[in-house]
Amino acid sequence: MPYMFVSTQIRLENGPTNVGDEFSDPVVMNYLGARKTTMLGNNFSEYHVDDPPRLVLDKLEKIGFRVVSMTGVGQTLVWCLHKELCGALQSLYTFEDETLASQEH
């Protein structure tokens, strides 16, 4: 999955950090040491780490993710990251995009 969000509460900039949802890449979540939790009342799960966002962003950069944008939403800081696809997976996405484009014309 080439995109991911990282977020934290402004008063918790030393952690914990939210690093994904229930559909996040389990390999990346394992690399970050994230634990999957479901908050009482929510019908979805999230991945969290105890590390502050800066350490999480450093770890993600080491495996090819780049920060695309960052914003504050209420009391939450959110970073959007992207990782370039490579190899066969890149070819698959390119093929699908070209197929959809040709069907539109």
PDB file of N, CA and C in Angstrom:
ATOM      1  N   MET A   1       0.839  -1.168   0.000  1.00  0.00           N
ATOM      2  CA  MET A   1       0.000   0.000   0.000  1.00  0.00           C
ATOM      3  C   MET A   1       0.888   1.236   0.000  1.00  0.00           C
ATOM      4  N   PRO A   2       0.745   2.058  -0.986  1.00  0.00           N
ATOM      5  CA  PRO A   2       1.690   3.164  -1.116  1.00  0.00           C
ATOM      6  C   PRO A   2       1.421   4.382  -0.230  1.00  0.00           C
ATOM      7  N   TYR A   3       0.226   4.521   0.340  1.00  0.00           N
ATOM      8  CA  TYR A   3      -0.059   5.681   1.199  1.00  0.00           C
ATOM      9  C   TYR A   3      -0.315   5.224   2.631  1.00  0.00           C
ATOM     10  N   MET A   4       0.023   6.114   3.574  1.00  0.00           N
ATOM     11  CA  MET A   4      -0.264   5.824   4.972  1.00  0.00           C
ATOM     12  C   MET A   4      -0.371   7.119   5.749  1.00  0.00           C
ATOM     13  N   PHE A   5      -1.170   7.096   6.814  1.00  0.00           N
ATOM     14  CA  PHE A   5      -1.319   8.240   7.714  1.00  0.00           C
ATOM     15  C   PHE A   5      -0.663   7.917   9.047  1.00  0.00           C
ATOM     16  N   VAL A   6      -0.040   8.930   9.631  1.00  0.00           N
ATOM     17  CA  VAL A   6       0.512   8.855  10.980  1.00  0.00           C
ATOM     18  C   VAL A   6      -0.097  10.026  11.730  1.00  0.00           C
ATOM     19  N   SER A   7      -0.575   9.789  12.949  1.00  0.00           N
ATOM     20  CA  SER A   7      -1.182  10.892  13.688  1.00  0.00           C
ATOM     21  C   SER A   7      -0.918  10.758  15.179  1.00  0.00           C
ATOM     22  N   THR A   8      -1.068  11.881  15.876  1.00  0.00           N
ATOM     23  CA  THR A   8      -0.959  11.919  17.332  1.00  0.00           C
ATOM     24  C   THR A   8      -1.736  13.113  17.848  1.00  0.00           C
ATOM     25  N   GLN A   9      -2.095  13.068  19.107  1.00  0.00           N
ATOM     26  CA  GLN A   9      -2.748  14.198  19.749  1.00  0.00           C
ATOM     27  C   GLN A   9      -1.690  15.243  20.095  1.00  0.00           C
ATOM     28  N   ILE A  10      -2.029  16.516  19.999  1.00  0.00           N
ATOM     29  CA  ILE A  10      -1.060  17.589  20.234  1.00  0.00           C
ATOM     30  C   ILE A  10      -0.426  17.480  21.611  1.00  0.00           C
ATOM     31  N   ARG A  11      -1.177  17.145  22.619  1.00  0.00           N
ATOM     32  CA  ARG A  11      -0.607  17.048  23.966  1.00  0.00           C
ATOM     33  C   ARG A  11       0.146  15.740  24.190  1.00  0.00           C
ATOM     34  N   LEU A  12       0.137  14.859  23.196  1.00  0.00           N
ATOM     35  CA  LEU A  12       0.815  13.571  23.328  1.00  0.00           C
ATOM     36  C   LEU A  12       1.922  13.422  22.292  1.00  0.00           C
ATOM     37  N   GLU A  13       2.589  14.529  21.965  1.00  0.00           N
ATOM     38  CA  GLU A  13       3.600  14.464  20.911  1.00  0.00           C
ATOM     39  C   GLU A  13       4.773  13.561  21.257  1.00  0.00           C
ATOM     40  N   ASN A  14       4.845  13.080  22.504  1.00  0.00           N
ATOM     41  CA  ASN A  14       5.867  12.104  22.881  1.00  0.00           C
ATOM     42  C   ASN A  14       5.353  10.677  22.767  1.00  0.00           C
ATOM     43  N   GLY A  15       4.166  10.493  22.223  1.00  0.00           N
ATOM     44  CA  GLY A  15       3.568   9.185  22.035  1.00  0.00           C
ATOM     45  C   GLY A  15       2.355   9.024  22.926  1.00  0.00           C
ATOM     46  N   PRO A  16       1.486   8.083  22.674  1.00  0.00           N
ATOM     47  CA  PRO A  16       1.566   7.116  21.583  1.00  0.00           C
ATOM     48  C   PRO A  16       1.233   7.751  20.235  1.00  0.00           C
ATOM     49  N   THR A  17       1.566   7.026  19.181  1.00  0.00           N
ATOM     50  CA  THR A  17       1.347   7.495  17.817  1.00  0.00           C
ATOM     51  C   THR A  17       0.474   6.483  17.080  1.00  0.00           C
ATOM     52  N   ASN A  18      -0.560   6.980  16.407  1.00  0.00           N
ATOM     53  CA  ASN A  18      -1.425   6.143  15.588  1.00  0.00           C
ATOM     54  C   ASN A  18      -0.726   5.952  14.247  1.00  0.00           C
ATOM     55  N   VAL A  19      -0.544   4.686  13.831  1.00  0.00           N
ATOM     56  CA  VAL A  19       0.203   4.435  12.596  1.00  0.00           C
ATOM     57  C   VAL A  19      -0.588   3.679  11.532  1.00  0.00           C
ATOM     58  N   GLY A  20      -1.843   3.369  11.789  1.00  0.00           N
ATOM     59  CA  GLY A  20      -2.595   2.679  10.748  1.00  0.00           C
ATOM     60  C   GLY A  20      -3.965   2.232  11.200  1.00  0.00           C
ATOM     61  N   ASP A  21      -4.730   1.735  10.232  1.00  0.00           N
ATOM     62  CA  ASP A  21      -6.050   1.196  10.517  1.00  0.00           C
ATOM     63  C   ASP A  21      -6.040  -0.319  10.293  1.00  0.00           C
ATOM     64  N   GLU A  22      -7.186  -0.939  10.410  1.00  0.00           N
ATOM     65  CA  GLU A  22      -7.261  -2.394  10.305  1.00  0.00           C
ATOM     66  C   GLU A  22      -6.866  -2.937   8.937  1.00  0.00           C
ATOM     67  N   PHE A  23      -6.790  -2.077   7.928  1.00  0.00           N
ATOM     68  CA  PHE A  23      -6.424  -2.511   6.583  1.00  0.00           C
ATOM     69  C   PHE A  23      -4.968  -2.208   6.240  1.00  0.00           C
ATOM     70  N   SER A  24      -4.195  -1.730   7.203  1.00  0.00           N
ATOM     71  CA  SER A  24      -2.794  -1.371   6.972  1.00  0.00           C
ATOM     72  C   SER A  24      -1.947  -2.616   6.699  1.00  0.00           C
ATOM     73  N   ASP A  25      -0.841  -2.399   6.001  1.00  0.00           N
ATOM     74  CA  ASP A  25       0.082  -3.477   5.651  1.00  0.00           C
ATOM     75  C   ASP A  25       0.642  -4.096   6.932  1.00  0.00           C
ATOM     76  N   PRO A  26       0.369  -5.382   7.193  1.00  0.00           N
ATOM     77  CA  PRO A  26       0.846  -6.007   8.428  1.00  0.00           C
ATOM     78  C   PRO A  26       2.368  -6.087   8.527  1.00  0.00           C
ATOM     79  N   VAL A  27       3.046  -6.129   7.397  1.00  0.00           N
ATOM     80  CA  VAL A  27       4.516  -6.166   7.414  1.00  0.00           C
ATOM     81  C   VAL A  27       5.062  -4.839   7.941  1.00  0.00           C
ATOM     82  N   VAL A  28       4.510  -3.729   7.479  1.00  0.00           N
ATOM     83  CA  VAL A  28       4.941  -2.411   7.946  1.00  0.00           C
ATOM     84  C   VAL A  28       4.581  -2.240   9.424  1.00  0.00           C
ATOM     85  N   MET A  29       3.380  -2.687   9.809  1.00  0.00           N
ATOM     86  CA  MET A  29       2.962  -2.562  11.206  1.00  0.00           C
ATOM     87  C   MET A  29       3.897  -3.368  12.122  1.00  0.00           C
ATOM     88  N   ASN A  30       4.298  -4.550  11.682  1.00  0.00           N
ATOM     89  CA  ASN A  30       5.235  -5.371  12.454  1.00  0.00           C
ATOM     90  C   ASN A  30       6.592  -4.678  12.563  1.00  0.00           C
ATOM     91  N   TYR A  31       7.062  -4.101  11.456  1.00  0.00           N
ATOM     92  CA  TYR A  31       8.337  -3.375  11.449  1.00  0.00           C
ATOM     93  C   TYR A  31       8.323  -2.230  12.465  1.00  0.00           C
ATOM     94  N   LEU A  32       7.187  -1.539  12.576  1.00  0.00           N
ATOM     95  CA  LEU A  32       7.070  -0.424  13.508  1.00  0.00           C
ATOM     96  C   LEU A  32       6.854  -0.884  14.952  1.00  0.00           C
ATOM     97  N   GLY A  33       6.541  -2.160  15.126  1.00  0.00           N
ATOM     98  CA  GLY A  33       6.245  -2.666  16.465  1.00  0.00           C
ATOM     99  C   GLY A  33       4.867  -2.240  16.946  1.00  0.00           C
ATOM    100  N   ALA A  34       3.949  -2.058  16.012  1.00  0.00           N
ATOM    101  CA  ALA A  34       2.614  -1.547  16.330  1.00  0.00           C
ATOM    102  C   ALA A  34       1.720  -2.647  16.898  1.00  0.00           C
ATOM    103  N   ARG A  35       0.811  -2.240  17.762  1.00  0.00           N
ATOM    104  CA  ARG A  35      -0.181  -3.159  18.297  1.00  0.00           C
ATOM    105  C   ARG A  35      -1.570  -2.711  17.815  1.00  0.00           C
ATOM    106  N   LYS A  36      -2.387  -3.688  17.467  1.00  0.00           N
ATOM    107  CA  LYS A  36      -3.728  -3.421  16.951  1.00  0.00           C
ATOM    108  C   LYS A  36      -4.702  -3.354  18.123  1.00  0.00           C
ATOM    109  N   THR A  37      -5.464  -2.263  18.201  1.00  0.00           N
ATOM    110  CA  THR A  37      -6.423  -2.089  19.291  1.00  0.00           C
ATOM    111  C   THR A  37      -7.770  -1.622  18.742  1.00  0.00           C
ATOM    112  N   THR A  38      -8.800  -1.913  19.482  1.00  0.00           N
ATOM    113  CA  THR A  38     -10.141  -1.423  19.169  1.00  0.00           C
ATOM    114  C   THR A  38     -10.651  -0.699  20.406  1.00  0.00           C
ATOM    115  N   MET A  39     -10.897   0.587  20.271  1.00  0.00           N
ATOM    116  CA  MET A  39     -11.385   1.398  21.386  1.00  0.00           C
ATOM    117  C   MET A  39     -12.853   1.071  21.655  1.00  0.00           C
ATOM    118  N   LEU A  40     -13.233   1.069  22.905  1.00  0.00           N
ATOM    119  CA  LEU A  40     -14.603   0.797  23.302  1.00  0.00           C
ATOM    120  C   LEU A  40     -15.558   1.740  22.565  1.00  0.00           C
ATOM    121  N   GLY A  41     -16.554   1.173  21.908  1.00  0.00           N
ATOM    122  CA  GLY A  41     -17.537   1.965  21.178  1.00  0.00           C
ATOM    123  C   GLY A  41     -17.233   2.111  19.699  1.00  0.00           C
ATOM    124  N   ASN A  42     -15.991   1.820  19.278  1.00  0.00           N
ATOM    125  CA  ASN A  42     -15.632   1.894  17.860  1.00  0.00           C
ATOM    126  C   ASN A  42     -15.883   0.547  17.189  1.00  0.00           C
ATOM    127  N   ASN A  43     -16.255   0.581  15.924  1.00  0.00           N
ATOM    128  CA  ASN A  43     -16.429  -0.667  15.176  1.00  0.00           C
ATOM    129  C   ASN A  43     -15.278  -0.870  14.191  1.00  0.00           C
ATOM    130  N   PHE A  44     -14.116  -0.306  14.504  1.00  0.00           N
ATOM    131  CA  PHE A  44     -12.920  -0.447  13.677  1.00  0.00           C
ATOM    132  C   PHE A  44     -11.704  -0.522  14.587  1.00  0.00           C
ATOM    133  N   SER A  45     -10.616  -1.042  14.044  1.00  0.00           N
ATOM    134  CA  SER A  45      -9.367  -1.177  14.797  1.00  0.00           C
ATOM    135  C   SER A  45      -8.334  -0.189  14.287  1.00  0.00           C
ATOM    136  N   GLU A  46      -7.366   0.131  15.141  1.00  0.00           N
ATOM    137  CA  GLU A  46      -6.254   1.015  14.784  1.00  0.00           C
ATOM    138  C   GLU A  46      -4.952   0.403  15.297  1.00  0.00           C
ATOM    139  N   TYR A  47      -3.850   0.757  14.640  1.00  0.00           N
ATOM    140  CA  TYR A  47      -2.526   0.352  15.092  1.00  0.00           C
ATOM    141  C   TYR A  47      -1.861   1.523  15.794  1.00  0.00           C
ATOM    142  N   HIS A  48      -1.239   1.252  16.955  1.00  0.00           N
ATOM    143  CA  HIS A  48      -0.559   2.278  17.743  1.00  0.00           C
ATOM    144  C   HIS A  48       0.836   1.800  18.128  1.00  0.00           C
ATOM    145  N   VAL A  49       1.744   2.755  18.274  1.00  0.00           N
ATOM    146  CA  VAL A  49       3.071   2.494  18.843  1.00  0.00           C
ATOM    147  C   VAL A  49       3.289   3.490  19.979  1.00  0.00           C
ATOM    148  N   ASP A  50       4.189   3.159  20.897  1.00  0.00           N
ATOM    149  CA  ASP A  50       4.487   4.068  22.003  1.00  0.00           C
ATOM    150  C   ASP A  50       5.485   5.151  21.607  1.00  0.00           C
ATOM    151  N   ASP A  51       6.142   4.983  20.458  1.00  0.00           N
ATOM    152  CA  ASP A  51       7.144   5.950  20.001  1.00  0.00           C
ATOM    153  C   ASP A  51       6.513   7.288  19.641  1.00  0.00           C
ATOM    154  N   PRO A  52       7.279   8.378  19.796  1.00  0.00           N
ATOM    155  CA  PRO A  52       6.791   9.676  19.316  1.00  0.00           C
ATOM    156  C   PRO A  52       6.787   9.709  17.786  1.00  0.00           C
ATOM    157  N   PRO A  53       5.996  10.596  17.196  1.00  0.00           N
ATOM    158  CA  PRO A  53       5.891  10.662  15.734  1.00  0.00           C
ATOM    159  C   PRO A  53       7.234  10.817  15.017  1.00  0.00           C
ATOM    160  N   ARG A  54       8.158  11.582  15.575  1.00  0.00           N
ATOM    161  CA  ARG A  54       9.443  11.788  14.905  1.00  0.00           C
ATOM    162  C   ARG A  54      10.175  10.465  14.701  1.00  0.00           C
ATOM    163  N   LEU A  55      10.168   9.600  15.695  1.00  0.00           N
ATOM    164  CA  LEU A  55      10.829   8.299  15.547  1.00  0.00           C
ATOM    165  C   LEU A  55      10.104   7.423  14.534  1.00  0.00           C
ATOM    166  N   VAL A  56       8.768   7.481  14.537  1.00  0.00           N
ATOM    167  CA  VAL A  56       7.985   6.716  13.564  1.00  0.00           C
ATOM    168  C   VAL A  56       8.306   7.187  12.149  1.00  0.00           C
ATOM    169  N   LEU A  57       8.337   8.508  11.944  1.00  0.00           N
ATOM    170  CA  LEU A  57       8.641   9.054  10.619  1.00  0.00           C
ATOM    171  C   LEU A  57      10.055   8.680  10.185  1.00  0.00           C
ATOM    172  N   ASP A  58      11.013   8.687  11.118  1.00  0.00           N
ATOM    173  CA  ASP A  58      12.383   8.267  10.800  1.00  0.00           C
ATOM    174  C   ASP A  58      12.416   6.809  10.349  1.00  0.00           C
ATOM    175  N   LYS A  59      11.702   5.933  11.056  1.00  0.00           N
ATOM    176  CA  LYS A  59      11.664   4.512  10.700  1.00  0.00           C
ATOM    177  C   LYS A  59      11.039   4.312   9.324  1.00  0.00           C
ATOM    178  N   LEU A  60       9.956   5.042   9.052  1.00  0.00           N
ATOM    179  CA  LEU A  60       9.275   4.894   7.764  1.00  0.00           C
ATOM    180  C   LEU A  60      10.126   5.415   6.615  1.00  0.00           C
ATOM    181  N   GLU A  61      10.915   6.455   6.865  1.00  0.00           N
ATOM    182  CA  GLU A  61      11.806   6.954   5.820  1.00  0.00           C
ATOM    183  C   GLU A  61      12.840   5.891   5.448  1.00  0.00           C
ATOM    184  N   LYS A  62      13.307   5.135   6.418  1.00  0.00           N
ATOM    185  CA  LYS A  62      14.307   4.093   6.166  1.00  0.00           C
ATOM    186  C   LYS A  62      13.793   2.994   5.243  1.00  0.00           C
ATOM    187  N   ILE A  63      12.472   2.821   5.173  1.00  0.00           N
ATOM    188  CA  ILE A  63      11.927   1.797   4.279  1.00  0.00           C
ATOM    189  C   ILE A  63      11.241   2.405   3.056  1.00  0.00           C
ATOM    190  N   GLY A  64      11.552   3.681   2.782  1.00  0.00           N
ATOM    191  CA  GLY A  64      11.126   4.276   1.515  1.00  0.00           C
ATOM    192  C   GLY A  64       9.930   5.200   1.539  1.00  0.00           C
ATOM    193  N   PHE A  65       9.338   5.443   2.695  1.00  0.00           N
ATOM    194  CA  PHE A  65       8.207   6.376   2.754  1.00  0.00           C
ATOM    195  C   PHE A  65       8.701   7.813   2.817  1.00  0.00           C
ATOM    196  N   ARG A  66       7.948   8.716   2.204  1.00  0.00           N
ATOM    197  CA  ARG A  66       8.244  10.156   2.226  1.00  0.00           C
ATOM    198  C   ARG A  66       7.010  10.909   2.684  1.00  0.00           C
ATOM    199  N   VAL A  67       7.203  11.957   3.473  1.00  0.00           N
ATOM    200  CA  VAL A  67       6.079  12.789   3.907  1.00  0.00           C
ATOM    201  C   VAL A  67       5.591  13.604   2.712  1.00  0.00           C
ATOM    202  N   VAL A  68       4.297  13.504   2.434  1.00  0.00           N
ATOM    203  CA  VAL A  68       3.677  14.252   1.343  1.00  0.00           C
ATOM    204  C   VAL A  68       3.065  15.532   1.885  1.00  0.00           C
ATOM    205  N   SER A  69       2.410  15.431   3.038  1.00  0.00           N
ATOM    206  CA  SER A  69       1.799  16.611   3.649  1.00  0.00           C
ATOM    207  C   SER A  69       1.640  16.389   5.147  1.00  0.00           C
ATOM    208  N   MET A  70       1.408  17.494   5.840  1.00  0.00           N
ATOM    209  CA  MET A  70       1.194  17.454   7.288  1.00  0.00           C
ATOM    210  C   MET A  70       0.201  18.544   7.619  1.00  0.00           C
ATOM    211  N   THR A  71      -0.684  18.268   8.575  1.00  0.00           N
ATOM    212  CA  THR A  71      -1.664  19.270   8.971  1.00  0.00           C
ATOM    213  C   THR A  71      -2.083  19.056  10.417  1.00  0.00           C
ATOM    214  N   GLY A  72      -2.720  20.050  10.960  1.00  0.00           N
ATOM    215  CA  GLY A  72      -3.341  19.932  12.267  1.00  0.00           C
ATOM    216  C   GLY A  72      -4.844  19.938  12.089  1.00  0.00           C
ATOM    217  N   VAL A  73      -5.527  18.991  12.720  1.00  0.00           N
ATOM    218  CA  VAL A  73      -6.979  18.897  12.644  1.00  0.00           C
ATOM    219  C   VAL A  73      -7.488  18.895  14.074  1.00  0.00           C
ATOM    220  N   GLY A  74      -8.044  20.015  14.521  1.00  0.00           N
ATOM    221  CA  GLY A  74      -8.447  20.114  15.921  1.00  0.00           C
ATOM    222  C   GLY A  74      -7.230  19.963  16.814  1.00  0.00           C
ATOM    223  N   GLN A  75      -7.238  18.970  17.686  1.00  0.00           N
ATOM    224  CA  GLN A  75      -6.119  18.704  18.589  1.00  0.00           C
ATOM    225  C   GLN A  75      -5.228  17.567  18.082  1.00  0.00           C
ATOM    226  N   THR A  76      -5.332  17.243  16.783  1.00  0.00           N
ATOM    227  CA  THR A  76      -4.602  16.119  16.207  1.00  0.00           C
ATOM    228  C   THR A  76      -3.627  16.594  15.138  1.00  0.00           C
ATOM    229  N   LEU A  77      -2.420  16.033  15.151  1.00  0.00           N
ATOM    230  CA  LEU A  77      -1.436  16.255  14.092  1.00  0.00           C
ATOM    231  C   LEU A  77      -1.467  15.043  13.171  1.00  0.00           C
ATOM    232  N   VAL A  78      -1.512  15.275  11.849  1.00  0.00           N
ATOM    233  CA  VAL A  78      -1.611  14.185  10.885  1.00  0.00           C
ATOM    234  C   VAL A  78      -0.560  14.366   9.794  1.00  0.00           C
ATOM    235  N   TRP A  79       0.182  13.292   9.499  1.00  0.00           N
ATOM    236  CA  TRP A  79       1.149  13.270   8.408  1.00  0.00           C
ATOM    237  C   TRP A  79       0.643  12.269   7.376  1.00  0.00           C
ATOM    238  N   CYS A  80       0.701  12.626   6.099  1.00  0.00           N
ATOM    239  CA  CYS A  80       0.393  11.710   5.007  1.00  0.00           C
ATOM    240  C   CYS A  80       1.720  11.333   4.358  1.00  0.00           C
ATOM    241  N   LEU A  81       1.966  10.028   4.235  1.00  0.00           N
ATOM    242  CA  LEU A  81       3.210   9.542   3.650  1.00  0.00           C
ATOM    243  C   LEU A  81       2.919   8.718   2.409  1.00  0.00           C
ATOM    244  N   HIS A  82       3.894   8.661   1.509  1.00  0.00           N
ATOM    245  CA  HIS A  82       3.769   7.887   0.281  1.00  0.00           C
ATOM    246  C   HIS A  82       5.049   7.109   0.047  1.00  0.00           C
ATOM    247  N   LYS A  83       4.889   5.894  -0.480  1.00  0.00           N
ATOM    248  CA  LYS A  83       6.039   5.071  -0.841  1.00  0.00           C
ATOM    249  C   LYS A  83       5.889   4.698  -2.311  1.00  0.00           C
ATOM    250  N   GLU A  84       6.934   4.945  -3.087  1.00  0.00           N
ATOM    251  CA  GLU A  84       6.910   4.594  -4.510  1.00  0.00           C
ATOM    252  C   GLU A  84       6.791   3.089  -4.670  1.00  0.00           C
ATOM    253  N   LEU A  85       5.946   2.658  -5.586  1.00  0.00           N
ATOM    254  CA  LEU A  85       5.841   1.238  -5.897  1.00  0.00           C
ATOM    255  C   LEU A  85       6.997   0.839  -6.803  1.00  0.00           C
ATOM    256  N   CYS A  86       7.425  -0.406  -6.709  1.00  0.00           N
ATOM    257  CA  CYS A  86       8.542  -0.842  -7.548  1.00  0.00           C
ATOM    258  C   CYS A  86       8.280  -2.233  -8.100  1.00  0.00           C
ATOM    259  N   GLY A  87       9.019  -2.600  -9.122  1.00  0.00           N
ATOM    260  CA  GLY A  87       8.988  -3.948  -9.674  1.00  0.00           C
ATOM    261  C   GLY A  87       7.653  -4.346 -10.257  1.00  0.00           C
ATOM    262  N   ALA A  88       7.286  -5.606 -10.023  1.00  0.00           N
ATOM    263  CA  ALA A  88       6.071  -6.176 -10.591  1.00  0.00           C
ATOM    264  C   ALA A  88       4.824  -5.455 -10.099  1.00  0.00           C
ATOM    265  N   LEU A  89       4.819  -5.043  -8.851  1.00  0.00           N
ATOM    266  CA  LEU A  89       3.662  -4.343  -8.317  1.00  0.00           C
ATOM    267  C   LEU A  89       3.440  -3.030  -9.056  1.00  0.00           C
ATOM    268  N   GLN A  90       4.520  -2.291  -9.340  1.00  0.00           N
ATOM    269  CA  GLN A  90       4.411  -1.051 -10.102  1.00  0.00           C
ATOM    270  C   GLN A  90       3.840  -1.338 -11.488  1.00  0.00           C
ATOM    271  N   SER A  91       4.311  -2.406 -12.129  1.00  0.00           N
ATOM    272  CA  SER A  91       3.819  -2.769 -13.454  1.00  0.00           C
ATOM    273  C   SER A  91       2.330  -3.082 -13.420  1.00  0.00           C
ATOM    274  N   LEU A  92       1.886  -3.775 -12.374  1.00  0.00           N
ATOM    275  CA  LEU A  92       0.485  -4.121 -12.239  1.00  0.00           C
ATOM    276  C   LEU A  92      -0.375  -2.863 -12.140  1.00  0.00           C
ATOM    277  N   TYR A  93       0.024  -1.920 -11.302  1.00  0.00           N
ATOM    278  CA  TYR A  93      -0.734  -0.683 -11.164  1.00  0.00           C
ATOM    279  C   TYR A  93      -0.724   0.108 -12.473  1.00  0.00           C
ATOM    280  N   THR A  94       0.404   0.158 -13.151  1.00  0.00           N
ATOM    281  CA  THR A  94       0.503   0.860 -14.427  1.00  0.00           C
ATOM    282  C   THR A  94      -0.426   0.222 -15.453  1.00  0.00           C
ATOM    283  N   PHE A  95      -0.436  -1.112 -15.521  1.00  0.00           N
ATOM    284  CA  PHE A  95      -1.297  -1.827 -16.450  1.00  0.00           C
ATOM    285  C   PHE A  95      -2.763  -1.516 -16.169  1.00  0.00           C
ATOM    286  N   GLU A  96      -3.168  -1.553 -14.904  1.00  0.00           N
ATOM    287  CA  GLU A  96      -4.556  -1.257 -14.547  1.00  0.00           C
ATOM    288  C   GLU A  96      -4.930   0.164 -14.921  1.00  0.00           C
ATOM    289  N   ASP A  97      -4.039   1.122 -14.682  1.00  0.00           N
ATOM    290  CA  ASP A  97      -4.311   2.520 -15.020  1.00  0.00           C
ATOM    291  C   ASP A  97      -4.481   2.694 -16.522  1.00  0.00           C
ATOM    292  N   GLU A  98      -3.598   2.067 -17.307  1.00  0.00           N
ATOM    293  CA  GLU A  98      -3.674   2.173 -18.768  1.00  0.00           C
ATOM    294  C   GLU A  98      -4.942   1.523 -19.291  1.00  0.00           C
ATOM    295  N   THR A  99      -5.328   0.382 -18.703  1.00  0.00           N
ATOM    296  CA  THR A  99      -6.547  -0.312 -19.109  1.00  0.00           C
ATOM    297  C   THR A  99      -7.769   0.551 -18.838  1.00  0.00           C
ATOM    298  N   LEU A 100      -7.825   1.147 -17.671  1.00  0.00           N
ATOM    299  CA  LEU A 100      -8.969   2.013 -17.341  1.00  0.00           C
ATOM    300  C   LEU A 100      -9.002   3.242 -18.248  1.00  0.00           C
ATOM    301  N   ALA A 101      -7.858   3.808 -18.544  1.00  0.00           N
ATOM    302  CA  ALA A 101      -7.806   4.984 -19.418  1.00  0.00           C
ATOM    303  C   ALA A 101      -8.288   4.658 -20.817  1.00  0.00           C
ATOM    304  N   SER A 102      -7.902   3.482 -21.345  1.00  0.00           N
ATOM    305  CA  SER A 102      -8.308   3.113 -22.690  1.00  0.00           C
ATOM    306  C   SER A 102      -9.800   2.811 -22.759  1.00  0.00           C
ATOM    307  N   GLN A 103     -10.382   2.332 -21.667  1.00  0.00           N
ATOM    308  CA  GLN A 103     -11.818   2.054 -21.634  1.00  0.00           C
ATOM    309  C   GLN A 103     -12.648   3.327 -21.604  1.00  0.00           C
ATOM    310  N   GLU A 104     -12.069   4.407 -21.103  1.00  0.00           N
ATOM    311  CA  GLU A 104     -12.787   5.682 -21.022  1.00  0.00           C
ATOM    312  C   GLU A 104     -12.909   6.354 -22.388  1.00  0.00           C
ATOM    313  N   HIS A 105     -12.048   5.997 -23.324  1.00  0.00           N
ATOM    314  CA  HIS A 105     -12.068   6.658 -24.642  1.00  0.00           C
ATOM    315  C   HIS A 105     -12.766   5.847 -25.672  1.00  0.00           C
TER     316      HIS A 105
END
